[in-house]
Amino acid sequence: MEFLVWVYTILAVVVVSLVSLLGVLFLSLRKEKLERILLYLVGFSVGGLLGDVFLHLLPQAIKQTGTDTRFFFFILIGILTFFLLEKFVRWRHCHNPISKNHLHPLAVMNLWGDGFHNLLDGMIIAASFLVDVKLGLATFLAVFLHEIPQEIGDFGVLLHAGLPVKKALLWNFVSSIAAFVGVFVSLLVGQYLGGYSLFMILFAAGGFIYIAGSDLIPELHHQNEINQACKQFLAITTGVALMALLLIWG
């Protein structure tokens, strides 16, 4: 079983890491069309994240321990950690013009922030597989859905910072490799550290709630037309439905 956990986790993280290369597929699209596609992906991601939290992560944690003060405290740690991570990316500003010899500090901060985010993703996915294969798959899918719009956005930031397309793809992919470090941390340390998996499950729940509520849902409110709202709601419910279907599996 331990060997299978390693296999499942590494395969999941390989797939998530490859998402960092998706940006190049959208280069030929007009800005308006890309924004429209991204909004539906964001809605799908919201449903996937919240579905994982309320249908998989929290029920699994309750099944393990019930609800006590630690339960809510670990969720709060997850929310606050992702808040600080987002602030870390936004703190630095630059007023120098972008040129071949000057990269906007936002690109550097974005890479560091994205790298740390990917590290946490790897730890969360691995910890979920340590508990249960079904939980690991659900968490992998939630992370995967969230990574699609995020990595396309990160790719755009690097291009705006003055990086050529090939270098932007390379550095975006390099930052995604941090997820493998997170995998090794969880799988090598987590199985010997009591309560580690429970902490990471609840930490992930807090992080996913923050990402969905603070980063993604506000993006959907930029479009107020009733037709767009209905499509966004359908995308969200589709993401939730995908997580619900996993409850039927195995």
C-alpha atoms as a PDB file:
ATOM      1  CA  MET A   1       0.000   0.000   0.000  1.00  0.00           C
ATOM      2  CA  GLU A   2       2.834   2.400   0.822  1.00  0.00           C
ATOM      3  CA  PHE A   3       4.335   1.823  -2.636  1.00  0.00           C
ATOM      4  CA  LEU A   4       0.979   2.566  -4.299  1.00  0.00           C
ATOM      5  CA  VAL A   5       0.669   5.800  -2.310  1.00  0.00           C
ATOM      6  CA  TRP A   6       4.028   6.907  -3.719  1.00  0.00           C
ATOM      7  CA  VAL A   7       2.960   5.970  -7.259  1.00  0.00           C
ATOM      8  CA  TYR A   8      -0.440   7.696  -7.048  1.00  0.00           C
ATOM      9  CA  THR A   9       1.022  10.825  -5.476  1.00  0.00           C
ATOM     10  CA  ILE A  10       3.902  11.232  -7.906  1.00  0.00           C
ATOM     11  CA  LEU A  11       1.634  10.655 -10.922  1.00  0.00           C
ATOM     12  CA  ALA A  12      -0.822  13.233  -9.572  1.00  0.00           C
ATOM     13  CA  VAL A  13       1.894  15.831  -9.035  1.00  0.00           C
ATOM     14  CA  VAL A  14       3.393  15.177 -12.480  1.00  0.00           C
ATOM     15  CA  VAL A  15      -0.010  15.965 -14.036  1.00  0.00           C
ATOM     16  CA  VAL A  16      -0.422  19.097 -11.890  1.00  0.00           C
ATOM     17  CA  SER A  17       3.109  20.269 -12.805  1.00  0.00           C
ATOM     18  CA  LEU A  18       2.437  19.866 -16.529  1.00  0.00           C
ATOM     19  CA  VAL A  19      -0.419  22.384 -16.176  1.00  0.00           C
ATOM     20  CA  SER A  20       2.299  25.059 -15.940  1.00  0.00           C
ATOM     21  CA  LEU A  21       2.927  24.562 -19.689  1.00  0.00           C
ATOM     22  CA  LEU A  22      -0.684  25.217 -20.716  1.00  0.00           C
ATOM     23  CA  GLY A  23      -0.173  28.960 -21.078  1.00  0.00           C
ATOM     24  CA  VAL A  24       1.426  28.622 -24.498  1.00  0.00           C
ATOM     25  CA  LEU A  25      -1.779  27.054 -25.882  1.00  0.00           C
ATOM     26  CA  PHE A  26      -3.677  30.296 -25.258  1.00  0.00           C
ATOM     27  CA  LEU A  27      -1.197  32.708 -26.869  1.00  0.00           C
ATOM     28  CA  SER A  28      -3.105  32.802 -30.152  1.00  0.00           C
ATOM     29  CA  LEU A  29      -6.432  33.686 -28.507  1.00  0.00           C
ATOM     30  CA  ARG A  30      -7.710  37.226 -28.367  1.00  0.00           C
ATOM     31  CA  LYS A  31      -7.795  38.767 -24.903  1.00  0.00           C
ATOM     32  CA  GLU A  32     -11.600  38.910 -24.773  1.00  0.00           C
ATOM     33  CA  LYS A  33     -11.998  35.239 -25.694  1.00  0.00           C
ATOM     34  CA  LEU A  34      -9.287  34.152 -23.245  1.00  0.00           C
ATOM     35  CA  GLU A  35     -10.932  36.087 -20.415  1.00  0.00           C
ATOM     36  CA  ARG A  36     -14.262  34.455 -21.224  1.00  0.00           C
ATOM     37  CA  ILE A  37     -12.742  30.959 -21.148  1.00  0.00           C
ATOM     38  CA  LEU A  38     -10.854  31.689 -17.943  1.00  0.00           C
ATOM     39  CA  LEU A  39     -14.026  32.822 -16.168  1.00  0.00           C
ATOM     40  CA  TYR A  40     -15.655  29.444 -16.812  1.00  0.00           C
ATOM     41  CA  LEU A  41     -12.489  27.657 -15.690  1.00  0.00           C
ATOM     42  CA  VAL A  42     -12.492  29.808 -12.549  1.00  0.00           C
ATOM     43  CA  GLY A  43     -16.115  28.844 -11.855  1.00  0.00           C
ATOM     44  CA  PHE A  44     -15.300  25.159 -12.380  1.00  0.00           C
ATOM     45  CA  SER A  45     -12.330  25.572 -10.040  1.00  0.00           C
ATOM     46  CA  VAL A  46     -14.522  27.186  -7.344  1.00  0.00           C
ATOM     47  CA  GLY A  47     -16.864  24.205  -7.463  1.00  0.00           C
ATOM     48  CA  GLY A  48     -13.995  21.740  -7.347  1.00  0.00           C
ATOM     49  CA  LEU A  49     -12.309  23.411  -4.365  1.00  0.00           C
ATOM     50  CA  LEU A  50     -15.480  23.860  -2.313  1.00  0.00           C
ATOM     51  CA  GLY A  51     -16.710  20.404  -3.269  1.00  0.00           C
ATOM     52  CA  ASP A  52     -13.464  18.874  -2.055  1.00  0.00           C
ATOM     53  CA  VAL A  53     -13.630  20.835   1.221  1.00  0.00           C
ATOM     54  CA  PHE A  54     -17.236  20.050   2.147  1.00  0.00           C
ATOM     55  CA  LEU A  55     -17.656  16.612   0.571  1.00  0.00           C
ATOM     56  CA  HIS A  56     -14.225  15.062   1.182  1.00  0.00           C
ATOM     57  CA  LEU A  57     -11.736  16.892   3.409  1.00  0.00           C
ATOM     58  CA  LEU A  58     -13.985  17.960   6.293  1.00  0.00           C
ATOM     59  CA  PRO A  59     -16.039  14.727   6.397  1.00  0.00           C
ATOM     60  CA  GLN A  60     -12.789  12.724   6.480  1.00  0.00           C
ATOM     61  CA  ALA A  61     -11.424  14.866   9.322  1.00  0.00           C
ATOM     62  CA  ILE A  62     -14.660  14.507  11.297  1.00  0.00           C
ATOM     63  CA  LYS A  63     -14.556  10.758  10.710  1.00  0.00           C
ATOM     64  CA  GLN A  64     -11.028  10.640  12.162  1.00  0.00           C
ATOM     65  CA  THR A  65     -11.427  12.845  15.236  1.00  0.00           C
ATOM     66  CA  GLY A  66     -14.866  14.404  15.475  1.00  0.00           C
ATOM     67  CA  THR A  67     -14.813  18.155  16.011  1.00  0.00           C
ATOM     68  CA  ASP A  68     -12.704  19.789  18.687  1.00  0.00           C
ATOM     69  CA  THR A  69     -10.824  23.092  19.005  1.00  0.00           C
ATOM     70  CA  ARG A  70      -7.901  21.778  16.946  1.00  0.00           C
ATOM     71  CA  PHE A  71     -10.275  21.086  14.083  1.00  0.00           C
ATOM     72  CA  PHE A  72     -11.183  24.757  13.635  1.00  0.00           C
ATOM     73  CA  PHE A  73      -7.732  26.051  14.609  1.00  0.00           C
ATOM     74  CA  PHE A  74      -6.045  24.085  11.804  1.00  0.00           C
ATOM     75  CA  ILE A  75      -8.581  25.392   9.280  1.00  0.00           C
ATOM     76  CA  LEU A  76      -7.850  28.930  10.464  1.00  0.00           C
ATOM     77  CA  ILE A  77      -4.095  28.333  10.048  1.00  0.00           C
ATOM     78  CA  GLY A  78      -4.751  27.315   6.443  1.00  0.00           C
ATOM     79  CA  ILE A  79      -6.777  30.464   5.729  1.00  0.00           C
ATOM     80  CA  LEU A  80      -4.169  32.766   7.306  1.00  0.00           C
ATOM     81  CA  THR A  81      -1.239  31.028   5.573  1.00  0.00           C
ATOM     82  CA  PHE A  82      -2.755  31.487   2.134  1.00  0.00           C
ATOM     83  CA  PHE A  83      -3.615  35.102   3.011  1.00  0.00           C
ATOM     84  CA  LEU A  84       0.060  35.763   3.846  1.00  0.00           C
ATOM     85  CA  LEU A  85       1.184  33.922   0.718  1.00  0.00           C
ATOM     86  CA  GLU A  86      -0.971  36.177  -1.436  1.00  0.00           C
ATOM     87  CA  LYS A  87       0.327  39.268   0.371  1.00  0.00           C
ATOM     88  CA  PHE A  88       3.893  38.106  -0.206  1.00  0.00           C
ATOM     89  CA  VAL A  89       3.315  38.139  -3.964  1.00  0.00           C
ATOM     90  CA  ARG A  90       1.671  41.594  -3.897  1.00  0.00           C
ATOM     91  CA  TRP A  91       4.023  43.437  -1.501  1.00  0.00           C
ATOM     92  CA  ARG A  92       6.722  44.360  -4.037  1.00  0.00           C
ATOM     93  CA  HIS A  93       6.205  47.066  -6.654  1.00  0.00           C
ATOM     94  CA  CYS A  94       8.485  48.413  -9.335  1.00  0.00           C
ATOM     95  CA  HIS A  95       8.441  51.765 -11.121  1.00  0.00           C
ATOM     96  CA  ASN A  96      11.252  51.081 -13.595  1.00  0.00           C
ATOM     97  CA  PRO A  97      10.310  50.442 -17.222  1.00  0.00           C
ATOM     98  CA  ILE A  98      10.359  46.833 -18.406  1.00  0.00           C
ATOM     99  CA  SER A  99      13.264  46.036 -20.717  1.00  0.00           C
ATOM    100  CA  LYS A 100      15.435  43.120 -21.825  1.00  0.00           C
ATOM    101  CA  ASN A 101      17.878  43.880 -19.009  1.00  0.00           C
ATOM    102  CA  HIS A 102      15.306  44.565 -16.333  1.00  0.00           C
ATOM    103  CA  LEU A 103      12.675  42.180 -15.025  1.00  0.00           C
ATOM    104  CA  HIS A 104       9.754  43.485 -13.068  1.00  0.00           C
ATOM    105  CA  PRO A 105      10.166  42.409  -9.406  1.00  0.00           C
ATOM    106  CA  LEU A 106       6.588  41.139  -9.606  1.00  0.00           C
ATOM    107  CA  ALA A 107       7.895  38.310 -11.809  1.00  0.00           C
ATOM    108  CA  VAL A 108      10.449  37.274  -9.179  1.00  0.00           C
ATOM    109  CA  MET A 109       7.925  37.536  -6.355  1.00  0.00           C
ATOM    110  CA  ASN A 110       5.366  35.673  -8.433  1.00  0.00           C
ATOM    111  CA  LEU A 111       7.804  32.807  -8.995  1.00  0.00           C
ATOM    112  CA  TRP A 112       8.693  32.599  -5.286  1.00  0.00           C
ATOM    113  CA  GLY A 113       5.062  32.801  -4.257  1.00  0.00           C
ATOM    114  CA  ASP A 114       3.973  30.266  -6.872  1.00  0.00           C
ATOM    115  CA  GLY A 115       6.831  27.964  -5.870  1.00  0.00           C
ATOM    116  CA  PHE A 116       5.759  28.011  -2.230  1.00  0.00           C
ATOM    117  CA  HIS A 117       2.149  27.508  -3.269  1.00  0.00           C
ATOM    118  CA  ASN A 118       3.202  24.475  -5.327  1.00  0.00           C
ATOM    119  CA  LEU A 119       5.209  23.155  -2.367  1.00  0.00           C
ATOM    120  CA  LEU A 120       2.031  23.274  -0.263  1.00  0.00           C
ATOM    121  CA  ASP A 121       0.038  21.635  -3.064  1.00  0.00           C
ATOM    122  CA  GLY A 122       2.472  18.719  -3.120  1.00  0.00           C
ATOM    123  CA  MET A 123       2.297  18.335   0.660  1.00  0.00           C
ATOM    124  CA  ILE A 124      -1.504  18.483   0.630  1.00  0.00           C
ATOM    125  CA  ILE A 125      -1.921  15.950  -2.197  1.00  0.00           C
ATOM    126  CA  ALA A 126       0.537  13.511  -0.601  1.00  0.00           C
ATOM    127  CA  ALA A 127      -1.042  13.841   2.851  1.00  0.00           C
ATOM    128  CA  SER A 128      -4.467  13.148   1.336  1.00  0.00           C
ATOM    129  CA  PHE A 129      -3.233   9.980  -0.376  1.00  0.00           C
ATOM    130  CA  LEU A 130      -1.696   8.872   2.938  1.00  0.00           C
ATOM    131  CA  VAL A 131      -5.173   8.919   4.465  1.00  0.00           C
ATOM    132  CA  ASP A 132      -7.179   7.390   1.618  1.00  0.00           C
ATOM    133  CA  VAL A 133      -6.801   6.928  -2.141  1.00  0.00           C
ATOM    134  CA  LYS A 134     -10.259   8.380  -2.814  1.00  0.00           C
ATOM    135  CA  LEU A 135      -9.456  11.458  -0.716  1.00  0.00           C
ATOM    136  CA  GLY A 136      -6.143  11.828  -2.530  1.00  0.00           C
ATOM    137  CA  LEU A 137      -7.833  11.679  -5.924  1.00  0.00           C
ATOM    138  CA  ALA A 138     -10.445  14.254  -4.903  1.00  0.00           C
ATOM    139  CA  THR A 139      -7.768  16.631  -3.590  1.00  0.00           C
ATOM    140  CA  PHE A 140      -5.640  16.118  -6.693  1.00  0.00           C
ATOM    141  CA  LEU A 141      -8.605  17.032  -8.910  1.00  0.00           C
ATOM    142  CA  ALA A 142      -9.364  20.129  -6.810  1.00  0.00           C
ATOM    143  CA  VAL A 143      -5.740  21.282  -7.067  1.00  0.00           C
ATOM    144  CA  PHE A 144      -5.630  20.440 -10.788  1.00  0.00           C
ATOM    145  CA  LEU A 145      -8.769  22.480 -11.536  1.00  0.00           C
ATOM    146  CA  HIS A 146      -7.430  25.440  -9.577  1.00  0.00           C
ATOM    147  CA  GLU A 147      -4.007  25.261 -11.237  1.00  0.00           C
ATOM    148  CA  ILE A 148      -5.354  25.708 -14.777  1.00  0.00           C
ATOM    149  CA  PRO A 149      -6.507  29.344 -14.474  1.00  0.00           C
ATOM    150  CA  GLN A 150      -3.741  30.128 -11.966  1.00  0.00           C
ATOM    151  CA  GLU A 151      -0.889  28.889 -14.160  1.00  0.00           C
ATOM    152  CA  ILE A 152      -2.262  30.662 -17.232  1.00  0.00           C
ATOM    153  CA  GLY A 153      -2.369  33.839 -15.136  1.00  0.00           C
ATOM    154  CA  ASP A 154       1.175  33.287 -13.852  1.00  0.00           C
ATOM    155  CA  PHE A 155       2.385  32.755 -17.406  1.00  0.00           C
ATOM    156  CA  GLY A 156       0.808  36.085 -18.367  1.00  0.00           C
ATOM    157  CA  VAL A 157       2.555  37.833 -15.462  1.00  0.00           C
ATOM    158  CA  LEU A 158       5.950  36.530 -16.611  1.00  0.00           C
ATOM    159  CA  LEU A 159       5.319  37.678 -20.184  1.00  0.00           C
ATOM    160  CA  HIS A 160       4.296  41.110 -18.899  1.00  0.00           C
ATOM    161  CA  ALA A 161       7.517  41.220 -16.876  1.00  0.00           C
ATOM    162  CA  GLY A 162       9.559  41.001 -20.072  1.00  0.00           C
ATOM    163  CA  LEU A 163      10.403  37.305 -20.291  1.00  0.00           C
ATOM    164  CA  PRO A 164      10.357  35.674 -23.735  1.00  0.00           C
ATOM    165  CA  VAL A 165       7.757  32.925 -24.193  1.00  0.00           C
ATOM    166  CA  LYS A 166      10.259  30.052 -23.841  1.00  0.00           C
ATOM    167  CA  LYS A 167      11.787  31.474 -20.657  1.00  0.00           C
ATOM    168  CA  ALA A 168       8.358  32.212 -19.194  1.00  0.00           C
ATOM    169  CA  LEU A 169       7.327  28.598 -19.800  1.00  0.00           C
ATOM    170  CA  LEU A 170      10.609  27.304 -18.368  1.00  0.00           C
ATOM    171  CA  TRP A 171      10.463  29.353 -15.164  1.00  0.00           C
ATOM    172  CA  ASN A 172       6.775  28.628 -14.685  1.00  0.00           C
ATOM    173  CA  PHE A 173       7.550  24.907 -14.964  1.00  0.00           C
ATOM    174  CA  VAL A 174      10.561  25.195 -12.637  1.00  0.00           C
ATOM    175  CA  SER A 175       8.378  26.767  -9.941  1.00  0.00           C
ATOM    176  CA  SER A 176       5.908  23.900 -10.325  1.00  0.00           C
ATOM    177  CA  ILE A 177       8.643  21.366  -9.480  1.00  0.00           C
ATOM    178  CA  ALA A 178       8.505  22.581  -5.873  1.00  0.00           C
ATOM    179  CA  ALA A 179       5.414  20.366  -5.578  1.00  0.00           C
ATOM    180  CA  PHE A 180       7.705  17.311  -5.669  1.00  0.00           C
ATOM    181  CA  VAL A 181       9.591  18.634  -2.642  1.00  0.00           C
ATOM    182  CA  GLY A 182       6.247  18.849  -0.861  1.00  0.00           C
ATOM    183  CA  VAL A 183       5.495  15.256  -1.826  1.00  0.00           C
ATOM    184  CA  PHE A 184       8.733  13.965  -0.314  1.00  0.00           C
ATOM    185  CA  VAL A 185       8.193  16.001   2.855  1.00  0.00           C
ATOM    186  CA  SER A 186       4.731  14.524   3.356  1.00  0.00           C
ATOM    187  CA  LEU A 187       5.521  10.933   2.417  1.00  0.00           C
ATOM    188  CA  LEU A 188       8.841  10.688   4.258  1.00  0.00           C
ATOM    189  CA  VAL A 189       7.914  12.657   7.367  1.00  0.00           C
ATOM    190  CA  GLY A 190       4.128  12.504   7.497  1.00  0.00           C
ATOM    191  CA  GLN A 191       3.822   8.782   8.094  1.00  0.00           C
ATOM    192  CA  TYR A 192       6.014   9.034  11.206  1.00  0.00           C
ATOM    193  CA  LEU A 193       4.596  12.281  12.592  1.00  0.00           C
ATOM    194  CA  GLY A 194       1.407  11.722  14.563  1.00  0.00           C
ATOM    195  CA  GLY A 195      -1.470  13.939  13.511  1.00  0.00           C
ATOM    196  CA  TYR A 196       0.330  15.186  10.396  1.00  0.00           C
ATOM    197  CA  SER A 197      -2.298  13.978   7.913  1.00  0.00           C
ATOM    198  CA  LEU A 198      -5.151  15.402   9.994  1.00  0.00           C
ATOM    199  CA  PHE A 199      -3.402  18.764  10.190  1.00  0.00           C
ATOM    200  CA  MET A 200      -2.753  18.856   6.431  1.00  0.00           C
ATOM    201  CA  ILE A 201      -6.335  17.863   5.600  1.00  0.00           C
ATOM    202  CA  LEU A 202      -7.738  20.718   7.689  1.00  0.00           C
ATOM    203  CA  PHE A 203      -4.972  23.092   6.549  1.00  0.00           C
ATOM    204  CA  ALA A 204      -5.922  22.281   2.951  1.00  0.00           C
ATOM    205  CA  ALA A 205      -9.595  22.898   3.739  1.00  0.00           C
ATOM    206  CA  GLY A 206      -8.758  26.365   5.076  1.00  0.00           C
ATOM    207  CA  GLY A 207      -6.516  27.124   2.103  1.00  0.00           C
ATOM    208  CA  PHE A 208      -9.105  25.976  -0.433  1.00  0.00           C
ATOM    209  CA  ILE A 209     -11.848  28.020   1.269  1.00  0.00           C
ATOM    210  CA  TYR A 210      -9.597  31.101   1.134  1.00  0.00           C
ATOM    211  CA  ILE A 211      -8.663  30.591  -2.534  1.00  0.00           C
ATOM    212  CA  ALA A 212     -12.266  30.014  -3.618  1.00  0.00           C
ATOM    213  CA  GLY A 213     -13.746  32.833  -1.528  1.00  0.00           C
ATOM    214  CA  SER A 214     -11.030  35.473  -1.769  1.00  0.00           C
ATOM    215  CA  ASP A 215      -9.317  34.899  -5.122  1.00  0.00           C
ATOM    216  CA  LEU A 216     -11.759  33.175  -7.436  1.00  0.00           C
ATOM    217  CA  ILE A 217     -15.347  34.165  -6.600  1.00  0.00           C
ATOM    218  CA  PRO A 218     -14.550  37.938  -6.706  1.00  0.00           C
ATOM    219  CA  GLU A 219     -13.285  37.415 -10.280  1.00  0.00           C
ATOM    220  CA  LEU A 220     -16.682  36.038 -11.252  1.00  0.00           C
ATOM    221  CA  HIS A 221     -18.413  39.192  -9.993  1.00  0.00           C
ATOM    222  CA  HIS A 222     -16.702  41.287 -12.663  1.00  0.00           C
ATOM    223  CA  GLN A 223     -19.356  39.987 -15.066  1.00  0.00           C
ATOM    224  CA  ASN A 224     -22.871  40.948 -13.935  1.00  0.00           C
ATOM    225  CA  GLU A 225     -24.958  39.996 -16.971  1.00  0.00           C
ATOM    226  CA  ILE A 226     -27.637  37.406 -16.124  1.00  0.00           C
ATOM    227  CA  ASN A 227     -26.516  35.152 -18.987  1.00  0.00           C
ATOM    228  CA  GLN A 228     -22.912  35.135 -17.760  1.00  0.00           C
ATOM    229  CA  ALA A 229     -24.010  34.626 -14.149  1.00  0.00           C
ATOM    230  CA  CYS A 230     -26.017  31.544 -15.128  1.00  0.00           C
ATOM    231  CA  LYS A 231     -23.070  30.074 -17.030  1.00  0.00           C
ATOM    232  CA  GLN A 232     -20.735  30.749 -14.110  1.00  0.00           C
ATOM    233  CA  PHE A 233     -23.175  29.132 -11.684  1.00  0.00           C
ATOM    234  CA  LEU A 234     -23.407  26.123 -13.989  1.00  0.00           C
ATOM    235  CA  ALA A 235     -19.591  25.889 -14.046  1.00  0.00           C
ATOM    236  CA  ILE A 236     -19.477  26.015 -10.230  1.00  0.00           C
ATOM    237  CA  THR A 237     -22.153  23.349  -9.824  1.00  0.00           C
ATOM    238  CA  THR A 238     -20.379  21.170 -12.401  1.00  0.00           C
ATOM    239  CA  GLY A 239     -17.214  21.336 -10.303  1.00  0.00           C
ATOM    240  CA  VAL A 240     -19.195  20.393  -7.179  1.00  0.00           C
ATOM    241  CA  ALA A 241     -20.912  17.574  -9.089  1.00  0.00           C
ATOM    242  CA  LEU A 242     -17.534  16.168 -10.118  1.00  0.00           C
ATOM    243  CA  MET A 243     -16.515  15.994  -6.456  1.00  0.00           C
ATOM    244  CA  ALA A 244     -19.879  14.433  -5.557  1.00  0.00           C
ATOM    245  CA  LEU A 245     -19.381  11.738  -8.194  1.00  0.00           C
ATOM    246  CA  LEU A 246     -16.161  10.711  -6.462  1.00  0.00           C
ATOM    247  CA  LEU A 247     -18.250   9.802  -3.393  1.00  0.00           C
ATOM    248  CA  ILE A 248     -19.828   7.048  -5.487  1.00  0.00           C
ATOM    249  CA  TRP A 249     -16.472   5.677  -6.639  1.00  0.00           C
ATOM    250  CA  GLY A 250     -14.974   2.700  -4.822  1.00  0.00           C
END
